[in-house]
C-alpha atoms as a PDB file:
ATOM      1  CA  MET A   1       0.038  -0.116  -0.041  1.00  0.00           C
ATOM      2  CA  ASP A   2       1.171   3.440  -0.770  1.00  0.00           C
ATOM      3  CA  LEU A   3       0.246   6.589   1.243  1.00  0.00           C
ATOM      4  CA  ILE A   4       0.565   9.979  -0.666  1.00  0.00           C
ATOM      5  CA  LEU A   5       0.482  12.699   2.162  1.00  0.00           C
ATOM      6  CA  LEU A   6       0.109  16.149   0.750  1.00  0.00           C
ATOM      7  CA  ARG A   7       0.622  19.372   2.653  1.00  0.00           C
ATOM      8  CA  HIS A   8      -2.215  21.833   2.215  1.00  0.00           C
ATOM      9  CA  PRO A   9      -1.908  25.028   0.012  1.00  0.00           C
ATOM     10  CA  PRO A  10      -0.805  28.240   1.837  1.00  0.00           C
ATOM     11  CA  PRO A  11      -3.176  29.561   4.430  1.00  0.00           C
ATOM     12  CA  ASP A  12      -4.221  33.206   4.775  1.00  0.00           C
ATOM     13  CA  VAL A  13      -2.143  34.191   7.802  1.00  0.00           C
ATOM     14  CA  ALA A  14       0.726  36.641   8.556  1.00  0.00           C
ATOM     15  CA  PRO A  15       4.087  35.172   8.748  1.00  0.00           C
ATOM     16  CA  GLY A  16       5.500  34.175  11.945  1.00  0.00           C
ATOM     17  CA  ILE A  17       2.153  33.100  13.556  1.00  0.00           C
ATOM     18  CA  CYS A  18       1.782  29.728  15.366  1.00  0.00           C
ATOM     19  CA  TYR A  19      -1.603  28.582  13.931  1.00  0.00           C
ATOM     20  CA  GLY A  20      -1.865  24.861  14.454  1.00  0.00           C
ATOM     21  CA  GLN A  21      -5.508  23.750  14.523  1.00  0.00           C
ATOM     22  CA  THR A  22      -6.860  27.249  13.930  1.00  0.00           C
ATOM     23  CA  ASP A  23      -9.187  26.823  10.914  1.00  0.00           C
ATOM     24  CA  LEU A  24      -7.699  29.339   8.624  1.00  0.00           C
ATOM     25  CA  PRO A  25      -8.790  29.849   4.957  1.00  0.00           C
ATOM     26  CA  VAL A  26      -6.457  29.336   2.194  1.00  0.00           C
ATOM     27  CA  ASP A  27      -4.625  32.146   0.555  1.00  0.00           C
ATOM     28  CA  ALA A  28      -6.916  32.637  -2.573  1.00  0.00           C
ATOM     29  CA  ALA A  29      -4.126  34.389  -4.651  1.00  0.00           C
ATOM     30  CA  GLN A  30      -2.121  31.160  -4.385  1.00  0.00           C
ATOM     31  CA  PHE A  31      -4.771  28.310  -4.138  1.00  0.00           C
ATOM     32  CA  ASP A  32      -5.455  27.613  -7.750  1.00  0.00           C
ATOM     33  CA  ALA A  33      -1.870  27.412  -9.003  1.00  0.00           C
ATOM     34  CA  CYS A  34      -0.923  25.315  -5.944  1.00  0.00           C
ATOM     35  CA  VAL A  35      -3.697  22.762  -6.346  1.00  0.00           C
ATOM     36  CA  ALA A  36      -3.122  22.468 -10.092  1.00  0.00           C
ATOM     37  CA  ALA A  37       0.490  21.497  -9.309  1.00  0.00           C
ATOM     38  CA  MET A  38      -0.601  19.065  -6.807  1.00  0.00           C
ATOM     39  CA  ARG A  39      -3.073  17.276  -9.221  1.00  0.00           C
ATOM     40  CA  GLU A  40      -0.368  17.259 -11.883  1.00  0.00           C
ATOM     41  CA  ASN A  41       2.096  15.575  -9.658  1.00  0.00           C
ATOM     42  CA  ILE A  42      -0.432  13.080  -8.228  1.00  0.00           C
ATOM     43  CA  THR A  43      -1.327  12.039 -11.871  1.00  0.00           C
ATOM     44  CA  THR A  44       2.433  11.475 -12.554  1.00  0.00           C
ATOM     45  CA  TRP A  45       3.003   9.470  -9.467  1.00  0.00           C
ATOM     46  CA  LEU A  46      -0.011   7.335  -9.803  1.00  0.00           C
ATOM     47  CA  ASP A  47       1.142   6.245 -13.220  1.00  0.00           C
ATOM     48  CA  GLY A  48      -2.328   4.835 -14.246  1.00  0.00           C
ATOM     49  CA  ARG A  49      -3.420   3.634 -10.887  1.00  0.00           C
ATOM     50  CA  VAL A  50      -6.528   4.896  -9.363  1.00  0.00           C
ATOM     51  CA  PRO A  51      -6.565   5.807  -5.534  1.00  0.00           C
ATOM     52  CA  VAL A  52      -8.894   3.849  -3.361  1.00  0.00           C
ATOM     53  CA  ALA A  53      -9.738   6.915  -1.228  1.00  0.00           C
ATOM     54  CA  VAL A  54      -9.007  10.732  -0.941  1.00  0.00           C
ATOM     55  CA  HIS A  55      -8.677  11.581   2.798  1.00  0.00           C
ATOM     56  CA  SER A  56      -8.474  15.063   4.382  1.00  0.00           C
ATOM     57  CA  SER A  57      -8.006  16.899   7.580  1.00  0.00           C
ATOM     58  CA  PRO A  58     -11.214  18.725   8.489  1.00  0.00           C
ATOM     59  CA  LEU A  59      -9.404  22.235   8.460  1.00  0.00           C
ATOM     60  CA  GLN A  60     -10.553  24.185   5.434  1.00  0.00           C
ATOM     61  CA  ARG A  61      -6.971  24.904   4.275  1.00  0.00           C
ATOM     62  CA  ALA A  62      -6.717  21.058   3.676  1.00  0.00           C
ATOM     63  CA  ARG A  63     -10.339  20.151   2.897  1.00  0.00           C
ATOM     64  CA  SER A  64     -10.582  22.783   0.091  1.00  0.00           C
ATOM     65  CA  ALA A  65      -7.644  21.184  -1.783  1.00  0.00           C
ATOM     66  CA  ALA A  66      -8.907  17.658  -1.135  1.00  0.00           C
ATOM     67  CA  ASN A  67     -12.311  18.568  -2.627  1.00  0.00           C
ATOM     68  CA  VAL A  68     -10.582  19.454  -5.977  1.00  0.00           C
ATOM     69  CA  ILE A  69      -8.342  16.429  -5.927  1.00  0.00           C
ATOM     70  CA  ALA A  70     -11.170  14.080  -5.143  1.00  0.00           C
ATOM     71  CA  GLU A  71     -13.107  15.506  -8.084  1.00  0.00           C
ATOM     72  CA  SER A  72     -10.386  14.399 -10.310  1.00  0.00           C
ATOM     73  CA  PHE A  73     -11.080  10.812  -9.512  1.00  0.00           C
ATOM     74  CA  ASP A  74     -14.985  11.145  -9.106  1.00  0.00           C
ATOM     75  CA  MET A  75     -14.922  10.145  -5.613  1.00  0.00           C
ATOM     76  CA  PRO A  76     -15.910  11.693  -2.144  1.00  0.00           C
ATOM     77  CA  VAL A  77     -13.585  13.064   0.445  1.00  0.00           C
ATOM     78  CA  THR A  78     -13.176  10.978   3.511  1.00  0.00           C
ATOM     79  CA  GLU A  79     -12.639  13.473   6.305  1.00  0.00           C
ATOM     80  CA  ASP A  80     -10.822  12.504   9.495  1.00  0.00           C
ATOM     81  CA  ALA A  81      -9.915  14.688  12.507  1.00  0.00           C
ATOM     82  CA  ARG A  82      -6.836  12.481  13.014  1.00  0.00           C
ATOM     83  CA  LEU A  83      -5.297  14.264  10.048  1.00  0.00           C
ATOM     84  CA  SER A  84      -5.430  17.581  11.548  1.00  0.00           C
ATOM     85  CA  GLU A  85      -2.340  19.720  12.519  1.00  0.00           C
ATOM     86  CA  MET A  86      -1.030  19.711  15.896  1.00  0.00           C
ATOM     87  CA  HIS A  87      -3.135  21.629  18.489  1.00  0.00           C
ATOM     88  CA  PHE A  88      -0.923  24.318  20.124  1.00  0.00           C
ATOM     89  CA  GLY A  89      -3.340  25.139  22.966  1.00  0.00           C
ATOM     90  CA  GLU A  90      -2.609  28.650  24.313  1.00  0.00           C
ATOM     91  CA  TRP A  91       0.067  29.230  21.709  1.00  0.00           C
ATOM     92  CA  GLU A  92      -2.459  29.261  18.907  1.00  0.00           C
ATOM     93  CA  MET A  93      -2.461  32.460  16.838  1.00  0.00           C
ATOM     94  CA  GLN A  94       0.313  33.936  18.857  1.00  0.00           C
ATOM     95  CA  ARG A  95       3.652  35.076  17.348  1.00  0.00           C
ATOM     96  CA  TRP A  96       6.365  32.565  17.682  1.00  0.00           C
ATOM     97  CA  ASP A  97       8.840  35.195  18.735  1.00  0.00           C
ATOM     98  CA  MET A  98       6.531  36.314  21.538  1.00  0.00           C
ATOM     99  CA  LEU A  99       6.097  32.918  23.155  1.00  0.00           C
ATOM    100  CA  ASP A 100       7.509  32.256  26.525  1.00  0.00           C
ATOM    101  CA  ARG A 101      11.272  31.433  26.190  1.00  0.00           C
ATOM    102  CA  ALA A 102      11.246  29.041  29.065  1.00  0.00           C
ATOM    103  CA  GLN A 103       8.266  27.062  27.522  1.00  0.00           C
ATOM    104  CA  LEU A 104      10.137  26.857  24.121  1.00  0.00           C
ATOM    105  CA  ASP A 105      13.219  25.567  25.914  1.00  0.00           C
ATOM    106  CA  ASP A 106      11.024  22.794  27.778  1.00  0.00           C
ATOM    107  CA  TRP A 107       9.770  21.903  24.298  1.00  0.00           C
ATOM    108  CA  ALA A 108      13.166  21.707  22.895  1.00  0.00           C
ATOM    109  CA  ARG A 109      14.295  19.337  25.765  1.00  0.00           C
ATOM    110  CA  ASP A 110      11.205  17.054  25.293  1.00  0.00           C
ATOM    111  CA  VAL A 111      10.004  17.348  21.741  1.00  0.00           C
ATOM    112  CA  ALA A 112       7.903  14.128  21.959  1.00  0.00           C
ATOM    113  CA  GLY A 113       6.224  14.722  25.302  1.00  0.00           C
ATOM    114  CA  PHE A 114       5.946  18.481  25.749  1.00  0.00           C
ATOM    115  CA  ALA A 115       2.405  19.959  25.089  1.00  0.00           C
ATOM    116  CA  PRO A 116       1.577  23.767  25.550  1.00  0.00           C
ATOM    117  CA  ARG A 117      -1.206  24.282  27.872  1.00  0.00           C
ATOM    118  CA  GLY A 118      -4.515  23.194  26.406  1.00  0.00           C
ATOM    119  CA  GLY A 119      -2.642  21.634  23.447  1.00  0.00           C
ATOM    120  CA  GLU A 120      -1.139  18.415  22.166  1.00  0.00           C
ATOM    121  CA  SER A 121       2.400  16.754  22.272  1.00  0.00           C
ATOM    122  CA  ALA A 122       4.129  15.361  19.292  1.00  0.00           C
ATOM    123  CA  ARG A 123       3.465  11.885  20.745  1.00  0.00           C
ATOM    124  CA  ASP A 124      -0.276  12.623  20.640  1.00  0.00           C
ATOM    125  CA  VAL A 125      -0.116  13.412  16.922  1.00  0.00           C
ATOM    126  CA  VAL A 126       2.154  10.330  16.313  1.00  0.00           C
ATOM    127  CA  LEU A 127      -0.503   8.156  18.055  1.00  0.00           C
ATOM    128  CA  ARG A 128      -3.533   9.561  16.199  1.00  0.00           C
ATOM    129  CA  MET A 129      -1.743   9.478  12.733  1.00  0.00           C
ATOM    130  CA  ASP A 130      -0.538   5.884  13.317  1.00  0.00           C
ATOM    131  CA  ALA A 131      -4.111   4.789  14.074  1.00  0.00           C
ATOM    132  CA  TRP A 132      -5.357   6.492  10.985  1.00  0.00           C
ATOM    133  CA  ALA A 133      -2.770   4.752   8.850  1.00  0.00           C
ATOM    134  CA  ARG A 134      -3.373   1.351  10.415  1.00  0.00           C
ATOM    135  CA  ALA A 135      -7.124   1.836   9.598  1.00  0.00           C
ATOM    136  CA  ALA A 136      -6.214   2.578   5.988  1.00  0.00           C
ATOM    137  CA  ARG A 137      -4.189  -0.593   5.860  1.00  0.00           C
ATOM    138  CA  VAL A 138      -7.082  -2.753   7.279  1.00  0.00           C
ATOM    139  CA  ALA A 139      -9.306  -1.349   4.618  1.00  0.00           C
ATOM    140  CA  ALA A 140      -7.211  -2.796   1.879  1.00  0.00           C
ATOM    141  CA  THR A 141      -8.801  -4.070  -1.290  1.00  0.00           C
ATOM    142  CA  ALA A 142      -8.209  -7.433  -2.949  1.00  0.00           C
ATOM    143  CA  ASN A 143      -4.983  -6.164  -4.344  1.00  0.00           C
ATOM    144  CA  PRO A 144      -3.476  -4.373  -1.391  1.00  0.00           C
ATOM    145  CA  ALA A 145       0.063  -3.992  -2.852  1.00  0.00           C
ATOM    146  CA  ARG A 146      -1.394  -1.556  -5.355  1.00  0.00           C
ATOM    147  CA  ASP A 147      -3.653   0.340  -3.229  1.00  0.00           C
ATOM    148  CA  VAL A 148      -3.060   4.076  -3.015  1.00  0.00           C
ATOM    149  CA  HIS A 149      -4.474   6.427  -0.355  1.00  0.00           C
ATOM    150  CA  ILE A 150      -4.106  10.034  -0.816  1.00  0.00           C
ATOM    151  CA  ALA A 151      -4.556  12.453   2.175  1.00  0.00           C
ATOM    152  CA  VAL A 152      -4.350  16.287   2.312  1.00  0.00           C
ATOM    153  CA  THR A 153      -3.004  17.143   5.791  1.00  0.00           C
ATOM    154  CA  HIS A 154      -0.400  19.288   7.478  1.00  0.00           C
ATOM    155  CA  ALA A 155       3.248  19.552   7.902  1.00  0.00           C
ATOM    156  CA  GLY A 156       3.470  18.395  11.491  1.00  0.00           C
ATOM    157  CA  PRO A 157       1.593  15.195  11.053  1.00  0.00           C
ATOM    158  CA  ILE A 158       3.296  14.390   7.802  1.00  0.00           C
ATOM    159  CA  ARG A 159       6.817  14.746   9.363  1.00  0.00           C
ATOM    160  CA  LEU A 160       5.892  12.927  12.546  1.00  0.00           C
ATOM    161  CA  HIS A 161       4.101  10.066  10.725  1.00  0.00           C
ATOM    162  CA  THR A 162       7.152   9.654   8.416  1.00  0.00           C
ATOM    163  CA  ALA A 163       9.526   9.366  11.365  1.00  0.00           C
ATOM    164  CA  THR A 164       7.376   6.742  12.948  1.00  0.00           C
ATOM    165  CA  ALA A 165       6.755   4.758   9.838  1.00  0.00           C
ATOM    166  CA  LEU A 166      10.528   4.725   8.970  1.00  0.00           C
ATOM    167  CA  ARG A 167      11.160   3.740  12.672  1.00  0.00           C
ATOM    168  CA  LEU A 168      13.238   6.873  13.389  1.00  0.00           C
ATOM    169  CA  PRO A 169      13.292   9.002  16.505  1.00  0.00           C
ATOM    170  CA  THR A 170      10.141  11.104  16.789  1.00  0.00           C
ATOM    171  CA  ALA A 171      11.906  14.435  16.151  1.00  0.00           C
ATOM    172  CA  ALA A 172      13.998  12.989  13.134  1.00  0.00           C
ATOM    173  CA  CYS A 173      11.929  14.502  10.403  1.00  0.00           C
ATOM    174  CA  LEU A 174      10.835  17.822  12.096  1.00  0.00           C
ATOM    175  CA  SER A 175      13.593  19.830  10.334  1.00  0.00           C
ATOM    176  CA  TRP A 176      12.951  18.348   6.849  1.00  0.00           C
ATOM    177  CA  ALA A 177      11.776  20.886   4.408  1.00  0.00           C
ATOM    178  CA  LEU A 178       8.122  20.406   3.290  1.00  0.00           C
ATOM    179  CA  GLY A 179       6.553  23.136   1.122  1.00  0.00           C
ATOM    180  CA  PHE A 180       2.997  24.005   0.809  1.00  0.00           C
ATOM    181  CA  GLY A 181       1.363  21.655  -1.735  1.00  0.00           C
ATOM    182  CA  ALA A 182       4.309  19.225  -1.411  1.00  0.00           C
ATOM    183  CA  ALA A 183       4.126  15.525  -0.909  1.00  0.00           C
ATOM    184  CA  CYS A 184       5.535  12.625   0.949  1.00  0.00           C
ATOM    185  CA  GLU A 185       4.898   9.167  -0.409  1.00  0.00           C
ATOM    186  CA  LEU A 186       5.396   6.042   1.752  1.00  0.00           C
ATOM    187  CA  HIS A 187       5.166   2.355   0.576  1.00  0.00           C
ATOM    188  CA  PHE A 188       4.010  -0.205   3.144  1.00  0.00           C
ATOM    189  CA  SER A 189       5.000  -3.812   2.588  1.00  0.00           C
ATOM    190  CA  ASP A 190       2.704  -6.539   3.781  1.00  0.00           C
ATOM    191  CA  ASP A 191       4.672  -6.830   7.019  1.00  0.00           C
ATOM    192  CA  GLY A 192       4.105  -3.187   7.835  1.00  0.00           C
ATOM    193  CA  HIS A 193       7.594  -1.971   7.016  1.00  0.00           C
ATOM    194  CA  ALA A 194       7.695   1.341   5.253  1.00  0.00           C
ATOM    195  CA  ARG A 195       9.941   2.686   2.576  1.00  0.00           C
ATOM    196  CA  LEU A 196      10.091   6.412   1.744  1.00  0.00           C
ATOM    197  CA  ILE A 197       9.366   6.854  -2.066  1.00  0.00           C
ATOM    198  CA  ARG A 198       9.506  10.625  -2.232  1.00  0.00           C
ATOM    199  CA  TRP A 199       9.725  13.694  -0.017  1.00  0.00           C
ATOM    200  CA  ASN A 200       8.898  17.327  -0.607  1.00  0.00           C
ATOM    201  CA  ALA A 201       8.003  16.618  -4.092  1.00  0.00           C
END
């Protein structure tokens, strides 16, 4: 089974803001071109295959792109809250450079376990993303080796799930570049082992 995990198009938000699960609209000026590139890339990568499902985070910056992609395959979008971005609690919609330095240091010391007040830890995101991916594998068709699931989600969940799937430390992929509209593709063998096919493509 292959998972094609796509980061959503750019949201309409000022630079330097921690927005996490805040439900921001897309940047309308960049949306059409970004989604067109996403669709073109997906068509190339599928190489004639048809996805078994198009999944999406419920946040509108992801769902709006998933709607367009799903239309290409004449299928509905399967929305799942487990694909949402990390919830940053009291940090949501605050400027990163205005956050409490001591809390940021605590986060740096415990990337997997630290959670801002009212928010999630990286470990929380890992667990929900892993549960989502396992459910996708359970829903395999009669030819699971060729199954492709497409999901429009967010940078945090993509990076964290990739690290988990490749059996790397939780923070291993957090510094990896991943542009808006870019993709990660993972191939899962029958025994559950994952191989990275492409990153930031």
